[in-house]
mmCIF file of all heavy atoms, coordinates in Angstrom:
data_MODEL
# 
_entry.id   MODEL 
# 
loop_
_atom_site.group_PDB 
_atom_site.id 
_atom_site.type_symbol 
_atom_site.label_atom_id 
_atom_site.label_alt_id 
_atom_site.label_comp_id 
_atom_site.label_asym_id 
_atom_site.label_entity_id 
_atom_site.label_seq_id 
_atom_site.pdbx_PDB_ins_code 
_atom_site.Cartn_x 
_atom_site.Cartn_y 
_atom_site.Cartn_z 
_atom_site.occupancy 
_atom_site.B_iso_or_equiv 
_atom_site.pdbx_formal_charge 
_atom_site.auth_seq_id 
_atom_site.auth_comp_id 
_atom_site.auth_asym_id 
_atom_site.auth_atom_id 
_atom_site.pdbx_PDB_model_num 
ATOM 1   N N   . VAL A 1 1  ? 0.838  -1.199 0.000   1.00 0.00 ? 1  VAL A N   1 
ATOM 2   C CA  . VAL A 1 1  ? 0.000  0.000  0.000   1.00 0.00 ? 1  VAL A CA  1 
ATOM 3   C C   . VAL A 1 1  ? 0.876  1.253  0.000   1.00 0.00 ? 1  VAL A C   1 
ATOM 4   O O   . VAL A 1 1  ? 0.607  2.213  -0.739  1.00 0.00 ? 1  VAL A O   1 
ATOM 5   C CB  . VAL A 1 1  ? -0.967 -0.014 1.211   1.00 0.00 ? 1  VAL A CB  1 
ATOM 6   C CG1 . VAL A 1 1  ? -1.667 1.320  1.378   1.00 0.00 ? 1  VAL A CG1 1 
ATOM 7   C CG2 . VAL A 1 1  ? -1.971 -1.131 1.060   1.00 0.00 ? 1  VAL A CG2 1 
ATOM 8   N N   . ALA A 1 2  ? 1.918  1.265  0.796   1.00 0.00 ? 2  ALA A N   1 
ATOM 9   C CA  . ALA A 1 2  ? 2.818  2.421  0.843   1.00 0.00 ? 2  ALA A CA  1 
ATOM 10  C C   . ALA A 1 2  ? 3.476  2.651  -0.521  1.00 0.00 ? 2  ALA A C   1 
ATOM 11  O O   . ALA A 1 2  ? 3.599  3.791  -0.977  1.00 0.00 ? 2  ALA A O   1 
ATOM 12  C CB  . ALA A 1 2  ? 3.884  2.223  1.917   1.00 0.00 ? 2  ALA A CB  1 
ATOM 13  N N   . GLY A 1 3  ? 3.899  1.590  -1.187  1.00 0.00 ? 3  GLY A N   1 
ATOM 14  C CA  . GLY A 1 3  ? 4.491  1.727  -2.520  1.00 0.00 ? 3  GLY A CA  1 
ATOM 15  C C   . GLY A 1 3  ? 3.508  2.280  -3.538  1.00 0.00 ? 3  GLY A C   1 
ATOM 16  O O   . GLY A 1 3  ? 3.856  3.150  -4.343  1.00 0.00 ? 3  GLY A O   1 
ATOM 17  N N   . PHE A 1 4  ? 2.277  1.806  -3.491  1.00 0.00 ? 4  PHE A N   1 
ATOM 18  C CA  . PHE A 1 4  ? 1.251  2.316  -4.402  1.00 0.00 ? 4  PHE A CA  1 
ATOM 19  C C   . PHE A 1 4  ? 0.984  3.794  -4.155  1.00 0.00 ? 4  PHE A C   1 
ATOM 20  O O   . PHE A 1 4  ? 0.865  4.581  -5.085  1.00 0.00 ? 4  PHE A O   1 
ATOM 21  C CB  . PHE A 1 4  ? -0.041 1.509  -4.240  1.00 0.00 ? 4  PHE A CB  1 
ATOM 22  C CG  . PHE A 1 4  ? -1.165 2.028  -5.086  1.00 0.00 ? 4  PHE A CG  1 
ATOM 23  C CD1 . PHE A 1 4  ? -1.194 1.805  -6.450  1.00 0.00 ? 4  PHE A CD1 1 
ATOM 24  C CD2 . PHE A 1 4  ? -2.183 2.777  -4.510  1.00 0.00 ? 4  PHE A CD2 1 
ATOM 25  C CE1 . PHE A 1 4  ? -2.224 2.295  -7.231  1.00 0.00 ? 4  PHE A CE1 1 
ATOM 26  C CE2 . PHE A 1 4  ? -3.217 3.268  -5.271  1.00 0.00 ? 4  PHE A CE2 1 
ATOM 27  C CZ  . PHE A 1 4  ? -3.237 3.033  -6.645  1.00 0.00 ? 4  PHE A CZ  1 
ATOM 28  N N   . VAL A 1 5  ? 0.888  4.205  -2.903  1.00 0.00 ? 5  VAL A N   1 
ATOM 29  C CA  . VAL A 1 5  ? 0.641  5.612  -2.566  1.00 0.00 ? 5  VAL A CA  1 
ATOM 30  C C   . VAL A 1 5  ? 1.795  6.487  -3.053  1.00 0.00 ? 5  VAL A C   1 
ATOM 31  O O   . VAL A 1 5  ? 1.577  7.550  -3.647  1.00 0.00 ? 5  VAL A O   1 
ATOM 32  C CB  . VAL A 1 5  ? 0.406  5.775  -1.045  1.00 0.00 ? 5  VAL A CB  1 
ATOM 33  C CG1 . VAL A 1 5  ? 0.449  7.233  -0.627  1.00 0.00 ? 5  VAL A CG1 1 
ATOM 34  C CG2 . VAL A 1 5  ? -0.907 5.143  -0.642  1.00 0.00 ? 5  VAL A CG2 1 
ATOM 35  N N   . LEU A 1 6  ? 3.022  6.049  -2.832  1.00 0.00 ? 6  LEU A N   1 
ATOM 36  C CA  . LEU A 1 6  ? 4.182  6.838  -3.284  1.00 0.00 ? 6  LEU A CA  1 
ATOM 37  C C   . LEU A 1 6  ? 4.225  6.942  -4.800  1.00 0.00 ? 6  LEU A C   1 
ATOM 38  O O   . LEU A 1 6  ? 4.526  8.003  -5.353  1.00 0.00 ? 6  LEU A O   1 
ATOM 39  C CB  . LEU A 1 6  ? 5.478  6.219  -2.750  1.00 0.00 ? 6  LEU A CB  1 
ATOM 40  C CG  . LEU A 1 6  ? 5.701  6.366  -1.251  1.00 0.00 ? 6  LEU A CG  1 
ATOM 41  C CD1 . LEU A 1 6  ? 6.954  5.603  -0.830  1.00 0.00 ? 6  LEU A CD1 1 
ATOM 42  C CD2 . LEU A 1 6  ? 5.808  7.825  -0.868  1.00 0.00 ? 6  LEU A CD2 1 
ATOM 43  N N   . TYR A 1 7  ? 3.915  5.860  -5.502  1.00 0.00 ? 7  TYR A N   1 
ATOM 44  C CA  . TYR A 1 7  ? 3.899  5.900  -6.964  1.00 0.00 ? 7  TYR A CA  1 
ATOM 45  C C   . TYR A 1 7  ? 2.810  6.844  -7.474  1.00 0.00 ? 7  TYR A C   1 
ATOM 46  O O   . TYR A 1 7  ? 3.033  7.626  -8.386  1.00 0.00 ? 7  TYR A O   1 
ATOM 47  C CB  . TYR A 1 7  ? 3.687  4.501  -7.553  1.00 0.00 ? 7  TYR A CB  1 
ATOM 48  C CG  . TYR A 1 7  ? 3.553  4.532  -9.047  1.00 0.00 ? 7  TYR A CG  1 
ATOM 49  C CD1 . TYR A 1 7  ? 4.671  4.713  -9.848  1.00 0.00 ? 7  TYR A CD1 1 
ATOM 50  C CD2 . TYR A 1 7  ? 2.302  4.437  -9.653  1.00 0.00 ? 7  TYR A CD2 1 
ATOM 51  C CE1 . TYR A 1 7  ? 4.550  4.782  -11.226 1.00 0.00 ? 7  TYR A CE1 1 
ATOM 52  C CE2 . TYR A 1 7  ? 2.175  4.500  -11.026 1.00 0.00 ? 7  TYR A CE2 1 
ATOM 53  C CZ  . TYR A 1 7  ? 3.301  4.674  -11.809 1.00 0.00 ? 7  TYR A CZ  1 
ATOM 54  O OH  . TYR A 1 7  ? 3.177  4.748  -13.169 1.00 0.00 ? 7  TYR A OH  1 
ATOM 55  N N   . SER A 1 8  ? 1.623  6.798  -6.887  1.00 0.00 ? 8  SER A N   1 
ATOM 56  C CA  . SER A 1 8  ? 0.544  7.667  -7.355  1.00 0.00 ? 8  SER A CA  1 
ATOM 57  C C   . SER A 1 8  ? 0.845  9.128  -7.046  1.00 0.00 ? 8  SER A C   1 
ATOM 58  O O   . SER A 1 8  ? 0.520  10.016 -7.833  1.00 0.00 ? 8  SER A O   1 
ATOM 59  C CB  . SER A 1 8  ? -0.800 7.244  -6.776  1.00 0.00 ? 8  SER A CB  1 
ATOM 60  O OG  . SER A 1 8  ? -0.772 7.301  -5.382  1.00 0.00 ? 8  SER A OG  1 
ATOM 61  N N   . LEU A 1 9  ? 1.489  9.416  -5.923  1.00 0.00 ? 9  LEU A N   1 
ATOM 62  C CA  . LEU A 1 9  ? 1.907  10.790 -5.633  1.00 0.00 ? 9  LEU A CA  1 
ATOM 63  C C   . LEU A 1 9  ? 2.939  11.269 -6.647  1.00 0.00 ? 9  LEU A C   1 
ATOM 64  O O   . LEU A 1 9  ? 2.877  12.396 -7.139  1.00 0.00 ? 9  LEU A O   1 
ATOM 65  C CB  . LEU A 1 9  ? 2.480  10.893 -4.218  1.00 0.00 ? 9  LEU A CB  1 
ATOM 66  C CG  . LEU A 1 9  ? 1.482  10.908 -3.084  1.00 0.00 ? 9  LEU A CG  1 
ATOM 67  C CD1 . LEU A 1 9  ? 2.206  10.858 -1.738  1.00 0.00 ? 9  LEU A CD1 1 
ATOM 68  C CD2 . LEU A 1 9  ? 0.607  12.137 -3.164  1.00 0.00 ? 9  LEU A CD2 1 
ATOM 69  N N   . TYR A 1 10 ? 3.902  10.411 -6.967  1.00 0.00 ? 10 TYR A N   1 
ATOM 70  C CA  . TYR A 1 10 ? 4.926  10.776 -7.943  1.00 0.00 ? 10 TYR A CA  1 
ATOM 71  C C   . TYR A 1 10 ? 4.305  11.060 -9.308  1.00 0.00 ? 10 TYR A C   1 
ATOM 72  O O   . TYR A 1 10 ? 4.614  12.058 -9.946  1.00 0.00 ? 10 TYR A O   1 
ATOM 73  C CB  . TYR A 1 10 ? 5.960  9.654  -8.071  1.00 0.00 ? 10 TYR A CB  1 
ATOM 74  C CG  . TYR A 1 10 ? 6.982  9.914  -9.144  1.00 0.00 ? 10 TYR A CG  1 
ATOM 75  C CD1 . TYR A 1 10 ? 8.093  10.715 -8.885  1.00 0.00 ? 10 TYR A CD1 1 
ATOM 76  C CD2 . TYR A 1 10 ? 6.837  9.387  -10.417 1.00 0.00 ? 10 TYR A CD2 1 
ATOM 77  C CE1 . TYR A 1 10 ? 9.027  10.968 -9.866  1.00 0.00 ? 10 TYR A CE1 1 
ATOM 78  C CE2 . TYR A 1 10 ? 7.767  9.642  -11.408 1.00 0.00 ? 10 TYR A CE2 1 
ATOM 79  C CZ  . TYR A 1 10 ? 8.860  10.431 -11.126 1.00 0.00 ? 10 TYR A CZ  1 
ATOM 80  O OH  . TYR A 1 10 ? 9.772  10.688 -12.101 1.00 0.00 ? 10 TYR A OH  1 
ATOM 81  N N   . SER A 1 11 ? 3.398  10.204 -9.754  1.00 0.00 ? 11 SER A N   1 
ATOM 82  C CA  . SER A 1 11 ? 2.816  10.386 -11.085 1.00 0.00 ? 11 SER A CA  1 
ATOM 83  C C   . SER A 1 11 ? 1.885  11.589 -11.142 1.00 0.00 ? 11 SER A C   1 
ATOM 84  O O   . SER A 1 11 ? 1.714  12.178 -12.193 1.00 0.00 ? 11 SER A O   1 
ATOM 85  C CB  . SER A 1 11 ? 2.083  9.118  -11.525 1.00 0.00 ? 11 SER A CB  1 
ATOM 86  O OG  . SER A 1 11 ? 0.989  8.867  -10.684 1.00 0.00 ? 11 SER A OG  1 
ATOM 87  N N   . SER A 1 12 ? 1.301  11.980 -10.027 1.00 0.00 ? 12 SER A N   1 
ATOM 88  C CA  . SER A 1 12 ? 0.429  13.153 -10.046 1.00 0.00 ? 12 SER A CA  1 
ATOM 89  C C   . SER A 1 12 ? 1.219  14.454 -9.997  1.00 0.00 ? 12 SER A C   1 
ATOM 90  O O   . SER A 1 12 ? 0.671  15.514 -10.279 1.00 0.00 ? 12 SER A O   1 
ATOM 91  C CB  . SER A 1 12 ? -0.573 13.097 -8.892  1.00 0.00 ? 12 SER A CB  1 
ATOM 92  O OG  . SER A 1 12 ? 0.090  13.269 -7.661  1.00 0.00 ? 12 SER A OG  1 
ATOM 93  N N   . TRP A 1 13 ? 2.501  14.402 -9.676  1.00 0.00 ? 13 TRP A N   1 
ATOM 94  C CA  . TRP A 1 13 ? 3.329  15.606 -9.610  1.00 0.00 ? 13 TRP A CA  1 
ATOM 95  C C   . TRP A 1 13 ? 4.249  15.765 -10.804 1.00 0.00 ? 13 TRP A C   1 
ATOM 96  O O   . TRP A 1 13 ? 5.024  16.710 -10.863 1.00 0.00 ? 13 TRP A O   1 
ATOM 97  C CB  . TRP A 1 13 ? 4.150  15.601 -8.324  1.00 0.00 ? 13 TRP A CB  1 
ATOM 98  C CG  . TRP A 1 13 ? 3.351  16.070 -7.166  1.00 0.00 ? 13 TRP A CG  1 
ATOM 99  C CD1 . TRP A 1 13 ? 2.558  15.313 -6.371  1.00 0.00 ? 13 TRP A CD1 1 
ATOM 100 C CD2 . TRP A 1 13 ? 3.216  17.400 -6.689  1.00 0.00 ? 13 TRP A CD2 1 
ATOM 101 N NE1 . TRP A 1 13 ? 1.953  16.090 -5.429  1.00 0.00 ? 13 TRP A NE1 1 
ATOM 102 C CE2 . TRP A 1 13 ? 2.343  17.375 -5.593  1.00 0.00 ? 13 TRP A CE2 1 
ATOM 103 C CE3 . TRP A 1 13 ? 3.760  18.613 -7.084  1.00 0.00 ? 13 TRP A CE3 1 
ATOM 104 C CZ2 . TRP A 1 13 ? 1.997  18.514 -4.886  1.00 0.00 ? 13 TRP A CZ2 1 
ATOM 105 C CZ3 . TRP A 1 13 ? 3.416  19.753 -6.374  1.00 0.00 ? 13 TRP A CZ3 1 
ATOM 106 C CH2 . TRP A 1 13 ? 2.547  19.687 -5.295  1.00 0.00 ? 13 TRP A CH2 1 
ATOM 107 N N   . HIS A 1 14 ? 4.228  14.841 -11.753 1.00 0.00 ? 14 HIS A N   1 
ATOM 108 C CA  . HIS A 1 14 ? 5.113  14.906 -12.904 1.00 0.00 ? 14 HIS A CA  1 
ATOM 109 C C   . HIS A 1 14 ? 4.319  14.761 -14.200 1.00 0.00 ? 14 HIS A C   1 
ATOM 110 O O   . HIS A 1 14 ? 3.362  14.000 -14.264 1.00 0.00 ? 14 HIS A O   1 
ATOM 111 C CB  . HIS A 1 14 ? 6.179  13.804 -12.824 1.00 0.00 ? 14 HIS A CB  1 
ATOM 112 C CG  . HIS A 1 14 ? 7.156  14.017 -11.713 1.00 0.00 ? 14 HIS A CG  1 
ATOM 113 N ND1 . HIS A 1 14 ? 6.904  13.624 -10.423 1.00 0.00 ? 14 HIS A ND1 1 
ATOM 114 C CD2 . HIS A 1 14 ? 8.368  14.605 -11.689 1.00 0.00 ? 14 HIS A CD2 1 
ATOM 115 C CE1 . HIS A 1 14 ? 7.931  13.952 -9.661  1.00 0.00 ? 14 HIS A CE1 1 
ATOM 116 N NE2 . HIS A 1 14 ? 8.823  14.558 -10.396 1.00 0.00 ? 14 HIS A NE2 1 
ATOM 117 N N   . TRP A 1 15 ? 4.764  15.486 -15.220 1.00 0.00 ? 15 TRP A N   1 
ATOM 118 C CA  . TRP A 1 15 ? 4.140  15.402 -16.537 1.00 0.00 ? 15 TRP A CA  1 
ATOM 119 C C   . TRP A 1 15 ? 4.528  14.091 -17.209 1.00 0.00 ? 15 TRP A C   1 
ATOM 120 O O   . TRP A 1 15 ? 5.667  13.653 -17.115 1.00 0.00 ? 15 TRP A O   1 
ATOM 121 C CB  . TRP A 1 15 ? 4.624  16.537 -17.433 1.00 0.00 ? 15 TRP A CB  1 
ATOM 122 C CG  . TRP A 1 15 ? 4.048  17.873 -17.124 1.00 0.00 ? 15 TRP A CG  1 
ATOM 123 C CD1 . TRP A 1 15 ? 4.597  18.834 -16.340 1.00 0.00 ? 15 TRP A CD1 1 
ATOM 124 C CD2 . TRP A 1 15 ? 2.816  18.405 -17.607 1.00 0.00 ? 15 TRP A CD2 1 
ATOM 125 N NE1 . TRP A 1 15 ? 3.785  19.927 -16.301 1.00 0.00 ? 15 TRP A NE1 1 
ATOM 126 C CE2 . TRP A 1 15 ? 2.682  19.695 -17.078 1.00 0.00 ? 15 TRP A CE2 1 
ATOM 127 C CE3 . TRP A 1 15 ? 1.813  17.914 -18.436 1.00 0.00 ? 15 TRP A CE3 1 
ATOM 128 C CZ2 . TRP A 1 15 ? 1.584  20.502 -17.355 1.00 0.00 ? 15 TRP A CZ2 1 
ATOM 129 C CZ3 . TRP A 1 15 ? 0.730  18.718 -18.707 1.00 0.00 ? 15 TRP A CZ3 1 
ATOM 130 C CH2 . TRP A 1 15 ? 0.621  19.997 -18.168 1.00 0.00 ? 15 TRP A CH2 1 
ATOM 131 N N   . SER A 1 16 ? 3.592  13.493 -17.918 1.00 0.00 ? 16 SER A N   1 
ATOM 132 C CA  . SER A 1 16 ? 3.914  12.392 -18.819 1.00 0.00 ? 16 SER A CA  1 
ATOM 133 C C   . SER A 1 16 ? 3.802  12.933 -20.240 1.00 0.00 ? 16 SER A C   1 
ATOM 134 O O   . SER A 1 16 ? 3.240  14.004 -20.460 1.00 0.00 ? 16 SER A O   1 
ATOM 135 C CB  . SER A 1 16 ? 2.943  11.216 -18.619 1.00 0.00 ? 16 SER A CB  1 
ATOM 136 O OG  . SER A 1 16 ? 1.649  11.556 -19.089 1.00 0.00 ? 16 SER A OG  1 
ATOM 137 N N   . GLU A 1 17 ? 4.344  12.199 -21.210 1.00 0.00 ? 17 GLU A N   1 
ATOM 138 C CA  . GLU A 1 17 ? 4.284  12.674 -22.591 1.00 0.00 ? 17 GLU A CA  1 
ATOM 139 C C   . GLU A 1 17 ? 2.840  12.785 -23.078 1.00 0.00 ? 17 GLU A C   1 
ATOM 140 O O   . GLU A 1 17 ? 2.481  13.728 -23.773 1.00 0.00 ? 17 GLU A O   1 
ATOM 141 C CB  . GLU A 1 17 ? 5.091  11.753 -23.502 1.00 0.00 ? 17 GLU A CB  1 
ATOM 142 C CG  . GLU A 1 17 ? 6.573  11.882 -23.275 1.00 0.00 ? 17 GLU A CG  1 
ATOM 143 C CD  . GLU A 1 17 ? 7.405  11.122 -24.280 1.00 0.00 ? 17 GLU A CD  1 
ATOM 144 O OE1 . GLU A 1 17 ? 6.906  10.843 -25.388 1.00 0.00 ? 17 GLU A OE1 1 
ATOM 145 O OE2 . GLU A 1 17 ? 8.560  10.828 -23.955 1.00 0.00 ? 17 GLU A OE2 1 
ATOM 146 N N   . GLY A 1 18 ? 2.004  11.818 -22.703 1.00 0.00 ? 18 GLY A N   1 
ATOM 147 C CA  . GLY A 1 18 ? 0.600  11.855 -23.101 1.00 0.00 ? 18 GLY A CA  1 
ATOM 148 C C   . GLY A 1 18 ? -0.141 13.037 -22.493 1.00 0.00 ? 18 GLY A C   1 
ATOM 149 O O   . GLY A 1 18 ? -0.969 13.670 -23.155 1.00 0.00 ? 18 GLY A O   1 
ATOM 150 N N   . GLU A 1 19 ? 0.144  13.342 -21.225 1.00 0.00 ? 19 GLU A N   1 
ATOM 151 C CA  . GLU A 1 19 ? -0.503 14.483 -20.585 1.00 0.00 ? 19 GLU A CA  1 
ATOM 152 C C   . GLU A 1 19 ? -0.098 15.794 -21.252 1.00 0.00 ? 19 GLU A C   1 
ATOM 153 O O   . GLU A 1 19 ? -0.943 16.661 -21.489 1.00 0.00 ? 19 GLU A O   1 
ATOM 154 C CB  . GLU A 1 19 ? -0.133 14.542 -19.098 1.00 0.00 ? 19 GLU A CB  1 
ATOM 155 C CG  . GLU A 1 19 ? -0.805 13.500 -18.244 1.00 0.00 ? 19 GLU A CG  1 
ATOM 156 C CD  . GLU A 1 19 ? -0.294 13.525 -16.825 1.00 0.00 ? 19 GLU A CD  1 
ATOM 157 O OE1 . GLU A 1 19 ? 0.861  13.944 -16.582 1.00 0.00 ? 19 GLU A OE1 1 
ATOM 158 O OE2 . GLU A 1 19 ? -1.060 13.103 -15.935 1.00 0.00 ? 19 GLU A OE2 1 
ATOM 159 N N   . LEU A 1 20 ? 1.197  15.936 -21.558 1.00 0.00 ? 20 LEU A N   1 
ATOM 160 C CA  . LEU A 1 20 ? 1.661  17.161 -22.196 1.00 0.00 ? 20 LEU A CA  1 
ATOM 161 C C   . LEU A 1 20 ? 1.050  17.305 -23.588 1.00 0.00 ? 20 LEU A C   1 
ATOM 162 O O   . LEU A 1 20 ? 0.607  18.381 -23.971 1.00 0.00 ? 20 LEU A O   1 
ATOM 163 C CB  . LEU A 1 20 ? 3.189  17.189 -22.257 1.00 0.00 ? 20 LEU A CB  1 
ATOM 164 C CG  . LEU A 1 20 ? 3.822  18.497 -22.731 1.00 0.00 ? 20 LEU A CG  1 
ATOM 165 C CD1 . LEU A 1 20 ? 3.421  19.648 -21.812 1.00 0.00 ? 20 LEU A CD1 1 
ATOM 166 C CD2 . LEU A 1 20 ? 5.333  18.368 -22.763 1.00 0.00 ? 20 LEU A CD2 1 
ATOM 167 N N   . TYR A 1 21 ? 0.993  16.222 -24.345 1.00 0.00 ? 21 TYR A N   1 
ATOM 168 C CA  . TYR A 1 21 ? 0.384  16.228 -25.679 1.00 0.00 ? 21 TYR A CA  1 
ATOM 169 C C   . TYR A 1 21 ? -1.078 16.674 -25.594 1.00 0.00 ? 21 TYR A C   1 
ATOM 170 O O   . TYR A 1 21 ? -1.523 17.563 -26.326 1.00 0.00 ? 21 TYR A O   1 
ATOM 171 C CB  . TYR A 1 21 ? 0.484  14.835 -26.302 1.00 0.00 ? 21 TYR A CB  1 
ATOM 172 C CG  . TYR A 1 21 ? -0.211 14.705 -27.637 1.00 0.00 ? 21 TYR A CG  1 
ATOM 173 C CD1 . TYR A 1 21 ? 0.468  14.990 -28.811 1.00 0.00 ? 21 TYR A CD1 1 
ATOM 174 C CD2 . TYR A 1 21 ? -1.539 14.305 -27.717 1.00 0.00 ? 21 TYR A CD2 1 
ATOM 175 C CE1 . TYR A 1 21 ? -0.162 14.879 -30.043 1.00 0.00 ? 21 TYR A CE1 1 
ATOM 176 C CE2 . TYR A 1 21 ? -2.183 14.188 -28.931 1.00 0.00 ? 21 TYR A CE2 1 
ATOM 177 C CZ  . TYR A 1 21 ? -1.483 14.477 -30.097 1.00 0.00 ? 21 TYR A CZ  1 
ATOM 178 O OH  . TYR A 1 21 ? -2.119 14.381 -31.310 1.00 0.00 ? 21 TYR A OH  1 
ATOM 179 N N   . THR A 1 22 ? -1.822 16.074 -24.681 1.00 0.00 ? 22 THR A N   1 
ATOM 180 C CA  . THR A 1 22 ? -3.238 16.396 -24.523 1.00 0.00 ? 22 THR A CA  1 
ATOM 181 C C   . THR A 1 22 ? -3.426 17.842 -24.077 1.00 0.00 ? 22 THR A C   1 
ATOM 182 O O   . THR A 1 22 ? -4.280 18.559 -24.617 1.00 0.00 ? 22 THR A O   1 
ATOM 183 C CB  . THR A 1 22 ? -3.887 15.441 -23.507 1.00 0.00 ? 22 THR A CB  1 
ATOM 184 O OG1 . THR A 1 22 ? -3.719 14.097 -23.955 1.00 0.00 ? 22 THR A OG1 1 
ATOM 185 C CG2 . THR A 1 22 ? -5.360 15.743 -23.324 1.00 0.00 ? 22 THR A CG2 1 
ATOM 186 N N   . ALA A 1 23 ? -2.632 18.293 -23.108 1.00 0.00 ? 23 ALA A N   1 
ATOM 187 C CA  . ALA A 1 23 ? -2.774 19.654 -22.589 1.00 0.00 ? 23 ALA A CA  1 
ATOM 188 C C   . ALA A 1 23 ? -2.481 20.696 -23.669 1.00 0.00 ? 23 ALA A C   1 
ATOM 189 O O   . ALA A 1 23 ? -3.203 21.690 -23.791 1.00 0.00 ? 23 ALA A O   1 
ATOM 190 C CB  . ALA A 1 23 ? -1.845 19.855 -21.394 1.00 0.00 ? 23 ALA A CB  1 
ATOM 191 N N   . VAL A 1 24 ? -1.439 20.476 -24.466 1.00 0.00 ? 24 VAL A N   1 
ATOM 192 C CA  . VAL A 1 24 ? -1.075 21.447 -25.501 1.00 0.00 ? 24 VAL A CA  1 
ATOM 193 C C   . VAL A 1 24 ? -2.157 21.504 -26.580 1.00 0.00 ? 24 VAL A C   1 
ATOM 194 O O   . VAL A 1 24 ? -2.554 22.591 -27.025 1.00 0.00 ? 24 VAL A O   1 
ATOM 195 C CB  . VAL A 1 24 ? 0.310  21.104 -26.105 1.00 0.00 ? 24 VAL A CB  1 
ATOM 196 C CG1 . VAL A 1 24 ? 0.590  21.922 -27.343 1.00 0.00 ? 24 VAL A CG1 1 
ATOM 197 C CG2 . VAL A 1 24 ? 1.392  21.322 -25.062 1.00 0.00 ? 24 VAL A CG2 1 
ATOM 198 N N   . HIS A 1 25 ? -2.666 20.362 -26.987 1.00 0.00 ? 25 HIS A N   1 
ATOM 199 C CA  . HIS A 1 25 ? -3.700 20.359 -28.023 1.00 0.00 ? 25 HIS A CA  1 
ATOM 200 C C   . HIS A 1 25 ? -5.033 20.917 -27.502 1.00 0.00 ? 25 HIS A C   1 
ATOM 201 O O   . HIS A 1 25 ? -5.749 21.596 -28.245 1.00 0.00 ? 25 HIS A O   1 
ATOM 202 C CB  . HIS A 1 25 ? -3.863 18.952 -28.604 1.00 0.00 ? 25 HIS A CB  1 
ATOM 203 C CG  . HIS A 1 25 ? -2.760 18.606 -29.551 1.00 0.00 ? 25 HIS A CG  1 
ATOM 204 N ND1 . HIS A 1 25 ? -1.541 18.154 -29.111 1.00 0.00 ? 25 HIS A ND1 1 
ATOM 205 C CD2 . HIS A 1 25 ? -2.669 18.686 -30.896 1.00 0.00 ? 25 HIS A CD2 1 
ATOM 206 C CE1 . HIS A 1 25 ? -0.760 17.945 -30.145 1.00 0.00 ? 25 HIS A CE1 1 
ATOM 207 N NE2 . HIS A 1 25 ? -1.414 18.273 -31.248 1.00 0.00 ? 25 HIS A NE2 1 
ATOM 208 N N   . GLN A 1 26 ? -5.372 20.645 -26.247 1.00 0.00 ? 26 GLN A N   1 
ATOM 209 C CA  . GLN A 1 26 ? -6.570 21.242 -25.664 1.00 0.00 ? 26 GLN A CA  1 
ATOM 210 C C   . GLN A 1 26 ? -6.416 22.750 -25.531 1.00 0.00 ? 26 GLN A C   1 
ATOM 211 O O   . GLN A 1 26 ? -7.366 23.506 -25.727 1.00 0.00 ? 26 GLN A O   1 
ATOM 212 C CB  . GLN A 1 26 ? -6.885 20.621 -24.308 1.00 0.00 ? 26 GLN A CB  1 
ATOM 213 C CG  . GLN A 1 26 ? -7.465 19.238 -24.398 1.00 0.00 ? 26 GLN A CG  1 
ATOM 214 C CD  . GLN A 1 26 ? -7.762 18.648 -23.020 1.00 0.00 ? 26 GLN A CD  1 
ATOM 215 O OE1 . GLN A 1 26 ? -7.451 19.220 -21.993 1.00 0.00 ? 26 GLN A OE1 1 
ATOM 216 N NE2 . GLN A 1 26 ? -8.369 17.471 -23.029 1.00 0.00 ? 26 GLN A NE2 1 
ATOM 217 N N   . ALA A 1 27 ? -5.209 23.209 -25.190 1.00 0.00 ? 27 ALA A N   1 
ATOM 218 C CA  . ALA A 1 27 ? -4.959 24.648 -25.078 1.00 0.00 ? 27 ALA A CA  1 
ATOM 219 C C   . ALA A 1 27 ? -5.124 25.329 -26.435 1.00 0.00 ? 27 ALA A C   1 
ATOM 220 O O   . ALA A 1 27 ? -5.719 26.410 -26.523 1.00 0.00 ? 27 ALA A O   1 
ATOM 221 C CB  . ALA A 1 27 ? -3.554 24.896 -24.528 1.00 0.00 ? 27 ALA A CB  1 
# 
């Protein structure tokens, strides 16, 4: 559970390529 929580916190604080692609095109 601790590992899952740390991974989800990390992924919510960092951009992924898909997120950046989507954000730029939506903008």
